[in-house]
């Protein structure tokens, strides 16, 4: 594919995961980004290993390290996002919330925060109650950032063992949920690129 052809594809950024690289959340995010590529997008991932090195967001401090600048710049260029968070005690993890708080740096952009972009939400938790409350919380955060949460959000009950040792999803229904989120982000991005 030519460079021009590649640039016409929407850019979907993945943000999420945990401090464990083989976590259900990291695996779900990688699967979603692969589904986004299959649907015609370019992707880039800021997974748990990356997020764990971001300093705590401090609104009074405008200094940013290289990783913070890189993430903000990539989100600025994004046509859509997929955010995956574990449900910790019924809410979004601090690791993911810290990354999303950093998007305050997009406040003065022409397209403020995530304005005009679809955001797919994926939640993993060791129980359905935490899945539901965390998905609701994540969607509220996306709304506050002026993004468009996709109509479909994926909830993965991690107590059910959803991935094999190689990272492949062992449940076809879950794999389809993740793919649906990714396709909705790409479809929106293809129609409404900012």
N, C-alpha and C. Protein backbone atom coordinates (compact mmCIF):
# COMPACT_ATOMS: atom_id res chain seq x y z
N UNK A 1 0.84 -1.18 0.00
CA UNK A 1 0.00 0.00 0.00
C UNK A 1 0.89 1.24 0.00
N UNK A 2 0.50 2.24 -0.76
CA UNK A 2 1.28 3.47 -0.82
C UNK A 2 1.12 4.25 0.48
N UNK A 3 2.06 5.18 0.69
CA UNK A 3 1.99 6.02 1.89
C UNK A 3 0.73 6.86 1.87
N UNK A 4 0.34 7.36 0.70
CA UNK A 4 -0.88 8.16 0.59
C UNK A 4 -2.10 7.32 0.97
N UNK A 5 -2.15 6.05 0.48
CA UNK A 5 -3.25 5.16 0.82
C UNK A 5 -3.34 4.91 2.31
N UNK A 6 -2.18 4.74 2.94
CA UNK A 6 -2.17 4.49 4.38
C UNK A 6 -2.69 5.69 5.16
N UNK A 7 -2.38 6.89 4.68
CA UNK A 7 -2.80 8.10 5.39
C UNK A 7 -4.28 8.38 5.25
N UNK A 8 -4.94 7.78 4.25
CA UNK A 8 -6.38 7.98 4.12
C UNK A 8 -7.15 7.10 5.09
N UNK A 9 -6.49 6.13 5.68
CA UNK A 9 -7.13 5.30 6.68
C UNK A 9 -7.25 6.08 7.98
N UNK A 10 -8.38 5.94 8.68
CA UNK A 10 -8.48 6.63 9.96
C UNK A 10 -7.49 6.07 10.98
N UNK A 11 -7.05 6.92 11.88
CA UNK A 11 -6.13 6.54 12.94
C UNK A 11 -6.93 6.30 14.23
N UNK A 12 -6.83 5.10 14.77
CA UNK A 12 -7.51 4.73 16.01
C UNK A 12 -6.43 4.47 17.07
N UNK A 13 -6.53 5.19 18.17
CA UNK A 13 -5.58 5.07 19.27
C UNK A 13 -6.20 4.22 20.37
N UNK A 14 -5.44 3.26 20.86
CA UNK A 14 -5.86 2.46 22.00
C UNK A 14 -5.19 2.96 23.27
N UNK A 15 -5.97 3.12 24.32
CA UNK A 15 -5.45 3.52 25.62
C UNK A 15 -6.02 2.56 26.65
N UNK A 16 -5.15 1.95 27.44
CA UNK A 16 -5.68 1.10 28.49
C UNK A 16 -4.75 -0.02 28.89
N UNK A 17 -5.26 -0.84 29.76
CA UNK A 17 -4.49 -1.97 30.25
C UNK A 17 -4.24 -1.87 31.73
N UNK A 18 -3.33 -2.71 32.17
CA UNK A 18 -2.94 -2.75 33.58
C UNK A 18 -1.42 -2.83 33.66
N UNK A 19 -0.92 -2.90 34.85
CA UNK A 19 0.53 -3.03 35.02
C UNK A 19 1.01 -4.43 34.66
N UNK A 20 0.11 -5.39 34.51
CA UNK A 20 0.47 -6.74 34.07
C UNK A 20 0.27 -6.85 32.57
N UNK A 21 1.34 -7.05 31.82
CA UNK A 21 1.28 -7.05 30.35
C UNK A 21 0.38 -8.13 29.79
N UNK A 22 0.16 -9.19 30.51
CA UNK A 22 -0.68 -10.27 30.00
C UNK A 22 -2.07 -10.24 30.65
N UNK A 23 -2.48 -9.09 31.08
CA UNK A 23 -3.79 -8.97 31.72
C UNK A 23 -4.90 -9.12 30.69
N UNK A 24 -6.08 -9.45 31.17
CA UNK A 24 -7.25 -9.54 30.30
C UNK A 24 -7.50 -8.21 29.60
N UNK A 25 -7.29 -7.12 30.31
CA UNK A 25 -7.54 -5.79 29.73
C UNK A 25 -6.58 -5.50 28.58
N UNK A 26 -5.29 -5.77 28.78
CA UNK A 26 -4.32 -5.56 27.71
C UNK A 26 -4.64 -6.44 26.50
N UNK A 27 -4.99 -7.67 26.76
CA UNK A 27 -5.31 -8.59 25.66
C UNK A 27 -6.55 -8.13 24.91
N UNK A 28 -7.56 -7.67 25.63
CA UNK A 28 -8.78 -7.19 24.99
C UNK A 28 -8.49 -5.96 24.14
N UNK A 29 -7.65 -5.05 24.64
CA UNK A 29 -7.31 -3.85 23.87
C UNK A 29 -6.57 -4.23 22.59
N UNK A 30 -5.62 -5.14 22.68
CA UNK A 30 -4.88 -5.58 21.49
C UNK A 30 -5.81 -6.23 20.47
N UNK A 31 -6.74 -7.03 20.95
CA UNK A 31 -7.71 -7.67 20.07
C UNK A 31 -8.60 -6.62 19.39
N UNK A 32 -9.00 -5.62 20.14
CA UNK A 32 -9.83 -4.55 19.57
C UNK A 32 -9.06 -3.77 18.50
N UNK A 33 -7.81 -3.48 18.76
CA UNK A 33 -7.02 -2.74 17.77
C UNK A 33 -6.80 -3.57 16.51
N UNK A 34 -6.65 -4.89 16.66
CA UNK A 34 -6.54 -5.75 15.48
C UNK A 34 -7.84 -5.72 14.69
N UNK A 35 -8.97 -5.74 15.38
CA UNK A 35 -10.27 -5.67 14.70
C UNK A 35 -10.43 -4.33 14.00
N UNK A 36 -9.90 -3.25 14.60
CA UNK A 36 -9.96 -1.94 13.96
C UNK A 36 -9.12 -1.93 12.68
N UNK A 37 -7.96 -2.56 12.73
CA UNK A 37 -7.14 -2.67 11.52
C UNK A 37 -7.87 -3.48 10.46
N UNK A 38 -8.49 -4.58 10.85
CA UNK A 38 -9.25 -5.41 9.91
C UNK A 38 -10.39 -4.62 9.27
N UNK A 39 -10.91 -3.63 10.01
CA UNK A 39 -12.01 -2.80 9.50
C UNK A 39 -11.51 -1.61 8.68
N UNK A 40 -10.19 -1.48 8.54
CA UNK A 40 -9.64 -0.45 7.67
C UNK A 40 -8.95 0.71 8.34
N UNK A 41 -8.57 0.57 9.60
CA UNK A 41 -7.92 1.67 10.32
C UNK A 41 -6.43 1.41 10.50
N UNK A 42 -5.70 2.49 10.75
CA UNK A 42 -4.34 2.42 11.28
C UNK A 42 -4.50 2.50 12.79
N UNK A 43 -3.61 1.86 13.53
CA UNK A 43 -3.76 1.87 14.99
C UNK A 43 -2.43 2.16 15.68
N UNK A 44 -2.56 2.61 16.90
CA UNK A 44 -1.40 2.80 17.78
C UNK A 44 -1.89 2.54 19.20
N UNK A 45 -1.07 1.86 19.99
CA UNK A 45 -1.50 1.46 21.33
C UNK A 45 -0.65 2.07 22.43
N UNK A 46 -1.31 2.63 23.41
CA UNK A 46 -0.69 3.05 24.67
C UNK A 46 -1.22 2.09 25.73
N UNK A 47 -0.54 0.97 25.89
CA UNK A 47 -0.96 -0.08 26.80
C UNK A 47 -0.53 0.16 28.23
N UNK A 48 -0.84 -0.80 29.06
CA UNK A 48 -0.56 -0.68 30.49
C UNK A 48 0.89 -0.43 30.82
N UNK A 49 1.81 -1.08 30.11
CA UNK A 49 3.24 -0.87 30.38
C UNK A 49 3.63 0.58 30.14
N UNK A 50 3.08 1.19 29.08
CA UNK A 50 3.35 2.60 28.80
C UNK A 50 2.70 3.49 29.86
N UNK A 51 1.44 3.23 30.13
CA UNK A 51 0.70 4.09 31.06
C UNK A 51 1.28 4.07 32.46
N UNK A 52 1.88 2.94 32.84
CA UNK A 52 2.41 2.83 34.20
C UNK A 52 3.62 3.74 34.43
N UNK A 53 4.20 4.28 33.36
CA UNK A 53 5.34 5.19 33.51
C UNK A 53 4.95 6.67 33.41
N UNK A 54 3.67 6.95 33.20
CA UNK A 54 3.25 8.34 33.14
C UNK A 54 3.20 8.93 34.55
N UNK A 55 3.75 10.13 34.73
CA UNK A 55 3.62 10.78 36.04
C UNK A 55 2.16 11.07 36.35
N UNK A 56 1.86 11.24 37.60
CA UNK A 56 0.50 11.62 37.99
C UNK A 56 0.16 12.96 37.37
N UNK A 57 -1.03 13.06 36.81
CA UNK A 57 -1.47 14.32 36.21
C UNK A 57 -1.64 15.35 37.32
N UNK A 58 -1.02 16.51 37.11
CA UNK A 58 -1.13 17.63 38.05
C UNK A 58 -1.49 18.87 37.23
N UNK A 59 -2.73 19.32 37.28
CA UNK A 59 -3.16 20.42 36.40
C UNK A 59 -2.37 21.71 36.59
N UNK A 60 -1.81 21.90 37.77
CA UNK A 60 -1.04 23.14 38.00
C UNK A 60 0.36 23.07 37.39
N UNK A 61 0.78 21.89 36.99
CA UNK A 61 2.12 21.71 36.42
C UNK A 61 1.99 21.51 34.91
N UNK A 62 2.45 22.47 34.12
CA UNK A 62 2.32 22.39 32.66
C UNK A 62 3.50 21.67 32.01
N UNK A 63 4.51 21.28 32.80
CA UNK A 63 5.64 20.54 32.23
C UNK A 63 5.21 19.12 31.92
N UNK A 64 5.64 18.61 30.77
CA UNK A 64 5.30 17.26 30.36
C UNK A 64 6.57 16.53 29.96
N UNK A 65 6.65 15.25 30.30
CA UNK A 65 7.79 14.46 29.85
C UNK A 65 7.52 13.97 28.43
N UNK A 66 8.48 13.29 27.84
CA UNK A 66 8.36 12.85 26.45
C UNK A 66 7.17 11.92 26.24
N UNK A 67 6.93 10.99 27.17
CA UNK A 67 5.82 10.05 27.04
C UNK A 67 4.48 10.79 27.08
N UNK A 68 4.34 11.74 27.97
CA UNK A 68 3.10 12.51 28.04
C UNK A 68 2.87 13.28 26.75
N UNK A 69 3.92 13.93 26.25
CA UNK A 69 3.79 14.68 24.99
C UNK A 69 3.42 13.76 23.84
N UNK A 70 4.04 12.58 23.79
CA UNK A 70 3.76 11.64 22.72
C UNK A 70 2.29 11.21 22.74
N UNK A 71 1.79 10.87 23.91
CA UNK A 71 0.41 10.41 23.99
C UNK A 71 -0.57 11.51 23.60
N UNK A 72 -0.36 12.71 24.11
CA UNK A 72 -1.26 13.82 23.79
C UNK A 72 -1.23 14.11 22.29
N UNK A 73 -0.05 14.10 21.69
CA UNK A 73 0.06 14.39 20.27
C UNK A 73 -0.61 13.32 19.42
N UNK A 74 -0.47 12.06 19.79
CA UNK A 74 -1.11 10.98 19.04
C UNK A 74 -2.63 11.06 19.17
N UNK A 75 -3.14 11.36 20.36
CA UNK A 75 -4.59 11.51 20.53
C UNK A 75 -5.07 12.71 19.73
N UNK A 76 -4.30 13.75 19.70
CA UNK A 76 -4.65 14.95 18.92
C UNK A 76 -4.86 14.58 17.44
N UNK A 77 -4.06 13.67 16.92
CA UNK A 77 -4.14 13.25 15.52
C UNK A 77 -5.20 12.18 15.28
N UNK A 78 -5.72 11.59 16.33
CA UNK A 78 -6.60 10.43 16.21
C UNK A 78 -7.95 10.78 15.62
N UNK A 79 -8.47 9.83 14.86
CA UNK A 79 -9.84 9.92 14.34
C UNK A 79 -10.82 9.20 15.25
N UNK A 80 -10.32 8.34 16.12
CA UNK A 80 -11.14 7.59 17.05
C UNK A 80 -10.25 6.95 18.10
N UNK A 81 -10.85 6.51 19.19
CA UNK A 81 -10.11 5.88 20.27
C UNK A 81 -10.83 4.63 20.75
N UNK A 82 -10.07 3.74 21.33
CA UNK A 82 -10.62 2.62 22.07
C UNK A 82 -9.95 2.65 23.44
N UNK A 83 -10.77 2.72 24.49
CA UNK A 83 -10.25 2.77 25.85
C UNK A 83 -10.68 1.50 26.57
N UNK A 84 -9.70 0.83 27.16
CA UNK A 84 -9.96 -0.41 27.90
C UNK A 84 -9.48 -0.25 29.33
N UNK A 85 -10.38 -0.48 30.27
CA UNK A 85 -10.02 -0.34 31.68
C UNK A 85 -10.49 -1.54 32.47
N UNK A 86 -9.67 -1.96 33.43
CA UNK A 86 -10.19 -2.92 34.39
C UNK A 86 -11.14 -2.20 35.34
N UNK A 87 -12.05 -2.93 35.91
CA UNK A 87 -12.93 -2.38 36.92
C UNK A 87 -12.33 -2.64 38.28
N UNK A 88 -11.82 -1.60 38.91
CA UNK A 88 -11.26 -1.73 40.25
C UNK A 88 -12.23 -1.12 41.24
N UNK A 89 -12.81 -1.95 42.07
CA UNK A 89 -13.76 -1.52 43.10
C UNK A 89 -14.90 -0.70 42.49
N UNK A 90 -15.36 -1.16 41.34
CA UNK A 90 -16.54 -0.56 40.72
C UNK A 90 -16.26 0.63 39.85
N UNK A 91 -15.00 0.96 39.57
CA UNK A 91 -14.70 2.13 38.76
C UNK A 91 -13.48 1.93 37.87
N UNK A 92 -13.20 2.94 37.08
CA UNK A 92 -12.06 2.94 36.17
C UNK A 92 -10.77 2.92 36.99
N UNK A 93 -9.77 2.19 36.51
CA UNK A 93 -8.50 2.12 37.25
C UNK A 93 -7.81 3.47 37.27
N UNK A 94 -7.01 3.69 38.29
CA UNK A 94 -6.24 4.93 38.40
C UNK A 94 -5.28 5.10 37.23
N UNK A 95 -4.72 4.00 36.75
CA UNK A 95 -3.78 4.03 35.63
C UNK A 95 -4.44 4.61 34.38
N UNK A 96 -5.64 4.13 34.06
CA UNK A 96 -6.36 4.61 32.88
C UNK A 96 -6.88 6.02 33.12
N UNK A 97 -7.40 6.28 34.29
CA UNK A 97 -7.93 7.62 34.59
C UNK A 97 -6.84 8.67 34.51
N UNK A 98 -5.64 8.36 34.97
CA UNK A 98 -4.53 9.29 34.89
C UNK A 98 -4.22 9.64 33.43
N UNK A 99 -4.23 8.64 32.56
CA UNK A 99 -3.98 8.88 31.14
C UNK A 99 -5.08 9.76 30.55
N UNK A 100 -6.31 9.49 30.89
CA UNK A 100 -7.42 10.29 30.36
C UNK A 100 -7.38 11.72 30.91
N UNK A 101 -6.97 11.88 32.16
CA UNK A 101 -6.85 13.22 32.74
C UNK A 101 -5.82 14.05 31.99
N UNK A 102 -4.79 13.41 31.47
CA UNK A 102 -3.76 14.12 30.71
C UNK A 102 -4.33 14.77 29.45
N UNK A 103 -5.46 14.28 28.97
CA UNK A 103 -6.07 14.86 27.77
C UNK A 103 -6.60 16.28 28.03
N UNK A 104 -6.49 16.74 29.26
CA UNK A 104 -6.77 18.15 29.56
C UNK A 104 -5.90 19.05 28.68
N UNK A 105 -4.76 18.54 28.25
CA UNK A 105 -3.87 19.32 27.39
C UNK A 105 -4.49 19.61 26.02
N UNK A 106 -5.59 18.96 25.69
CA UNK A 106 -6.28 19.21 24.42
C UNK A 106 -7.38 20.26 24.56
N UNK A 107 -7.46 20.85 25.72
CA UNK A 107 -8.54 21.80 26.02
C UNK A 107 -8.62 22.97 25.06
N UNK A 108 -7.49 23.51 24.65
CA UNK A 108 -7.47 24.69 23.79
C UNK A 108 -7.44 24.36 22.30
N UNK A 109 -7.49 23.08 21.95
CA UNK A 109 -7.47 22.67 20.54
C UNK A 109 -8.74 23.12 19.82
N UNK A 110 -8.65 23.21 18.50
CA UNK A 110 -9.83 23.54 17.70
C UNK A 110 -10.94 22.53 17.97
N UNK A 111 -10.58 21.26 18.04
CA UNK A 111 -11.52 20.21 18.43
C UNK A 111 -11.18 19.83 19.88
N UNK A 112 -11.80 20.55 20.79
CA UNK A 112 -11.51 20.44 22.21
C UNK A 112 -11.62 19.00 22.71
N UNK A 113 -10.62 18.57 23.47
CA UNK A 113 -10.60 17.23 24.06
C UNK A 113 -10.80 16.17 22.97
N UNK A 114 -11.90 15.42 23.03
CA UNK A 114 -12.16 14.36 22.05
C UNK A 114 -13.34 14.70 21.14
N UNK A 115 -13.61 15.97 21.01
CA UNK A 115 -14.74 16.44 20.21
C UNK A 115 -14.71 15.84 18.80
N UNK A 116 -15.84 15.33 18.36
CA UNK A 116 -15.97 14.80 17.02
C UNK A 116 -15.41 13.41 16.81
N UNK A 117 -15.02 12.74 17.89
CA UNK A 117 -14.42 11.42 17.75
C UNK A 117 -15.20 10.36 18.53
N UNK A 118 -15.32 9.20 17.91
CA UNK A 118 -15.94 8.06 18.59
C UNK A 118 -14.93 7.43 19.52
N UNK A 119 -15.41 6.95 20.64
CA UNK A 119 -14.57 6.28 21.62
C UNK A 119 -15.25 4.97 22.00
N UNK A 120 -14.59 3.87 21.69
CA UNK A 120 -15.08 2.56 22.08
C UNK A 120 -14.64 2.26 23.50
N UNK A 121 -15.55 1.73 24.30
CA UNK A 121 -15.26 1.46 25.71
C UNK A 121 -15.30 -0.05 25.96
N UNK A 122 -14.22 -0.54 26.56
CA UNK A 122 -14.10 -1.95 26.93
C UNK A 122 -13.74 -2.03 28.40
N UNK A 123 -14.46 -2.87 29.13
CA UNK A 123 -14.23 -3.00 30.57
C UNK A 123 -14.04 -4.47 30.90
N UNK A 124 -13.06 -4.74 31.75
CA UNK A 124 -12.87 -6.08 32.28
C UNK A 124 -12.96 -6.00 33.80
N UNK A 125 -13.60 -6.98 34.39
CA UNK A 125 -13.69 -7.03 35.84
C UNK A 125 -14.03 -8.45 36.26
N UNK A 126 -13.73 -8.78 37.49
CA UNK A 126 -13.98 -10.12 38.01
C UNK A 126 -15.40 -10.23 38.56
N UNK A 127 -16.37 -9.80 37.78
CA UNK A 127 -17.77 -9.86 38.17
C UNK A 127 -18.60 -8.88 37.37
N UNK A 128 -19.87 -9.22 37.17
CA UNK A 128 -20.73 -8.40 36.31
C UNK A 128 -21.06 -7.04 36.93
N UNK A 129 -21.19 -6.97 38.24
CA UNK A 129 -21.54 -5.68 38.84
C UNK A 129 -20.45 -4.65 38.58
N UNK A 130 -19.19 -5.02 38.78
CA UNK A 130 -18.09 -4.09 38.52
C UNK A 130 -17.98 -3.76 37.04
N UNK A 131 -18.30 -4.73 36.18
CA UNK A 131 -18.29 -4.44 34.73
C UNK A 131 -19.28 -3.33 34.41
N UNK A 132 -20.50 -3.45 34.95
CA UNK A 132 -21.54 -2.47 34.64
C UNK A 132 -21.23 -1.09 35.18
N UNK A 133 -20.81 -1.00 36.43
CA UNK A 133 -20.54 0.32 37.00
C UNK A 133 -19.32 0.97 36.36
N UNK A 134 -18.32 0.16 36.00
CA UNK A 134 -17.11 0.72 35.37
C UNK A 134 -17.41 1.19 33.96
N UNK A 135 -18.22 0.45 33.20
CA UNK A 135 -18.58 0.89 31.86
C UNK A 135 -19.35 2.20 31.92
N UNK A 136 -20.27 2.30 32.86
CA UNK A 136 -21.03 3.54 33.02
C UNK A 136 -20.09 4.70 33.35
N UNK A 137 -19.14 4.48 34.23
CA UNK A 137 -18.18 5.50 34.62
C UNK A 137 -17.30 5.91 33.43
N UNK A 138 -16.82 4.92 32.68
CA UNK A 138 -15.97 5.21 31.53
C UNK A 138 -16.73 6.02 30.48
N UNK A 139 -17.97 5.67 30.23
CA UNK A 139 -18.77 6.44 29.27
C UNK A 139 -18.99 7.87 29.76
N UNK A 140 -19.19 8.06 31.05
CA UNK A 140 -19.35 9.41 31.60
C UNK A 140 -18.08 10.23 31.40
N UNK A 141 -16.92 9.60 31.58
CA UNK A 141 -15.65 10.30 31.36
C UNK A 141 -15.52 10.70 29.90
N UNK A 142 -15.86 9.80 28.99
CA UNK A 142 -15.80 10.11 27.56
C UNK A 142 -16.72 11.27 27.23
N UNK A 143 -17.93 11.27 27.78
CA UNK A 143 -18.85 12.40 27.57
C UNK A 143 -18.24 13.69 28.08
N UNK A 144 -17.64 13.65 29.26
CA UNK A 144 -17.03 14.86 29.83
C UNK A 144 -15.90 15.38 28.94
N UNK A 145 -15.25 14.47 28.21
CA UNK A 145 -14.19 14.86 27.28
C UNK A 145 -14.76 15.16 25.88
N UNK A 146 -16.08 15.26 25.77
CA UNK A 146 -16.79 15.61 24.54
C UNK A 146 -16.66 14.57 23.43
N UNK A 147 -16.30 13.35 23.80
CA UNK A 147 -16.24 12.27 22.83
C UNK A 147 -17.60 11.62 22.65
N UNK A 148 -17.70 10.75 21.66
CA UNK A 148 -18.92 10.03 21.36
C UNK A 148 -18.73 8.56 21.72
N UNK A 149 -19.19 8.11 22.90
CA UNK A 149 -19.06 6.69 23.20
C UNK A 149 -19.84 5.88 22.16
N UNK A 150 -19.24 4.81 21.69
CA UNK A 150 -19.95 3.99 20.71
C UNK A 150 -21.22 3.43 21.34
N UNK A 151 -22.23 3.14 20.51
CA UNK A 151 -23.46 2.58 21.07
C UNK A 151 -23.21 1.28 21.81
N UNK A 152 -22.24 0.52 21.35
CA UNK A 152 -21.96 -0.76 21.98
C UNK A 152 -20.70 -0.64 22.83
N UNK A 153 -20.77 -1.10 24.06
CA UNK A 153 -19.62 -1.18 24.94
C UNK A 153 -19.42 -2.62 25.37
N UNK A 154 -18.20 -3.08 25.40
CA UNK A 154 -17.92 -4.48 25.73
C UNK A 154 -17.62 -4.63 27.21
N UNK A 155 -18.26 -5.62 27.83
CA UNK A 155 -18.00 -5.95 29.23
C UNK A 155 -17.50 -7.39 29.28
N UNK A 156 -16.32 -7.59 29.85
CA UNK A 156 -15.70 -8.91 29.93
C UNK A 156 -15.55 -9.32 31.38
N UNK A 157 -16.23 -10.38 31.76
CA UNK A 157 -16.12 -10.91 33.12
C UNK A 157 -14.86 -11.77 33.16
N UNK A 158 -13.79 -11.20 33.70
CA UNK A 158 -12.47 -11.86 33.68
C UNK A 158 -12.40 -13.09 34.58
N UNK A 159 -13.38 -13.29 35.44
CA UNK A 159 -13.38 -14.48 36.28
C UNK A 159 -13.68 -15.74 35.48
N UNK A 160 -14.06 -15.57 34.22
CA UNK A 160 -14.44 -16.71 33.39
C UNK A 160 -13.32 -17.20 32.49
N UNK A 161 -12.11 -16.68 32.60
CA UNK A 161 -10.98 -17.15 31.80
C UNK A 161 -11.22 -17.01 30.31
N UNK A 162 -11.01 -15.84 29.75
CA UNK A 162 -11.41 -15.54 28.38
C UNK A 162 -10.31 -15.67 27.33
N UNK A 163 -9.06 -15.79 27.76
CA UNK A 163 -7.94 -15.84 26.82
C UNK A 163 -7.06 -17.04 27.12
N UNK A 164 -6.48 -17.63 26.06
CA UNK A 164 -5.55 -18.73 26.28
C UNK A 164 -4.15 -18.17 26.55
N UNK A 165 -3.20 -19.03 26.79
CA UNK A 165 -1.85 -18.59 27.16
C UNK A 165 -1.16 -17.79 26.05
N UNK A 166 -1.61 -17.95 24.81
CA UNK A 166 -1.04 -17.19 23.69
C UNK A 166 -1.73 -15.86 23.46
N UNK A 167 -2.78 -15.55 24.23
CA UNK A 167 -3.47 -14.27 24.09
C UNK A 167 -4.70 -14.32 23.20
N UNK A 168 -5.04 -15.49 22.66
CA UNK A 168 -6.22 -15.61 21.81
C UNK A 168 -7.48 -15.71 22.67
N UNK A 169 -8.53 -15.07 22.22
CA UNK A 169 -9.80 -15.12 22.94
C UNK A 169 -10.43 -16.50 22.74
N UNK A 170 -10.85 -17.13 23.82
CA UNK A 170 -11.41 -18.47 23.76
C UNK A 170 -12.94 -18.47 23.71
N UNK A 171 -13.53 -17.30 23.75
CA UNK A 171 -15.00 -17.19 23.74
C UNK A 171 -15.41 -16.36 22.52
N UNK A 172 -16.06 -17.00 21.56
CA UNK A 172 -16.45 -16.33 20.33
C UNK A 172 -17.37 -15.15 20.54
N UNK A 173 -18.26 -15.23 21.53
CA UNK A 173 -19.17 -14.11 21.80
C UNK A 173 -18.40 -12.89 22.31
N UNK A 174 -17.42 -13.14 23.16
CA UNK A 174 -16.60 -12.03 23.68
C UNK A 174 -15.77 -11.42 22.56
N UNK A 175 -15.19 -12.26 21.72
CA UNK A 175 -14.40 -11.76 20.59
C UNK A 175 -15.27 -10.89 19.68
N UNK A 176 -16.52 -11.29 19.48
CA UNK A 176 -17.43 -10.50 18.64
C UNK A 176 -17.81 -9.18 19.32
N UNK A 177 -17.96 -9.19 20.65
CA UNK A 177 -18.24 -7.94 21.36
C UNK A 177 -17.10 -6.93 21.14
N UNK A 178 -15.88 -7.42 21.31
CA UNK A 178 -14.71 -6.56 21.14
C UNK A 178 -14.62 -6.05 19.71
N UNK A 179 -14.86 -6.93 18.75
CA UNK A 179 -14.82 -6.53 17.34
C UNK A 179 -15.91 -5.52 17.00
N UNK A 180 -17.07 -5.67 17.61
CA UNK A 180 -18.17 -4.73 17.36
C UNK A 180 -17.79 -3.33 17.83
N UNK A 181 -17.21 -3.23 19.01
CA UNK A 181 -16.75 -1.93 19.51
C UNK A 181 -15.77 -1.31 18.51
N UNK A 182 -14.79 -2.10 18.08
CA UNK A 182 -13.78 -1.60 17.15
C UNK A 182 -14.39 -1.17 15.83
N UNK A 183 -15.28 -1.98 15.27
CA UNK A 183 -15.92 -1.62 13.99
C UNK A 183 -16.71 -0.33 14.11
N UNK A 184 -17.42 -0.14 15.22
CA UNK A 184 -18.20 1.08 15.39
C UNK A 184 -17.31 2.31 15.45
N UNK A 185 -16.15 2.20 16.09
CA UNK A 185 -15.21 3.33 16.13
C UNK A 185 -14.73 3.65 14.71
N UNK A 186 -14.34 2.63 13.96
CA UNK A 186 -13.81 2.83 12.61
C UNK A 186 -14.89 3.38 11.69
N UNK A 187 -16.10 2.84 11.76
CA UNK A 187 -17.19 3.32 10.91
C UNK A 187 -17.48 4.79 11.18
N UNK A 188 -17.53 5.17 12.44
CA UNK A 188 -17.78 6.57 12.79
C UNK A 188 -16.64 7.44 12.27
N UNK A 189 -15.41 6.98 12.48
CA UNK A 189 -14.24 7.75 12.05
C UNK A 189 -14.21 7.94 10.55
N UNK A 190 -14.61 6.93 9.81
CA UNK A 190 -14.61 7.04 8.34
C UNK A 190 -15.63 8.05 7.85
N UNK A 191 -16.72 8.23 8.59
CA UNK A 191 -17.77 9.16 8.19
C UNK A 191 -17.59 10.57 8.74
N UNK A 192 -16.88 10.68 9.87
CA UNK A 192 -16.84 11.97 10.58
C UNK A 192 -15.43 12.35 10.96
N UNK A 193 -14.49 12.24 10.06
CA UNK A 193 -13.11 12.57 10.42
C UNK A 193 -12.97 14.05 10.74
N UNK A 194 -12.28 14.33 11.86
CA UNK A 194 -12.08 15.73 12.29
C UNK A 194 -10.89 16.35 11.59
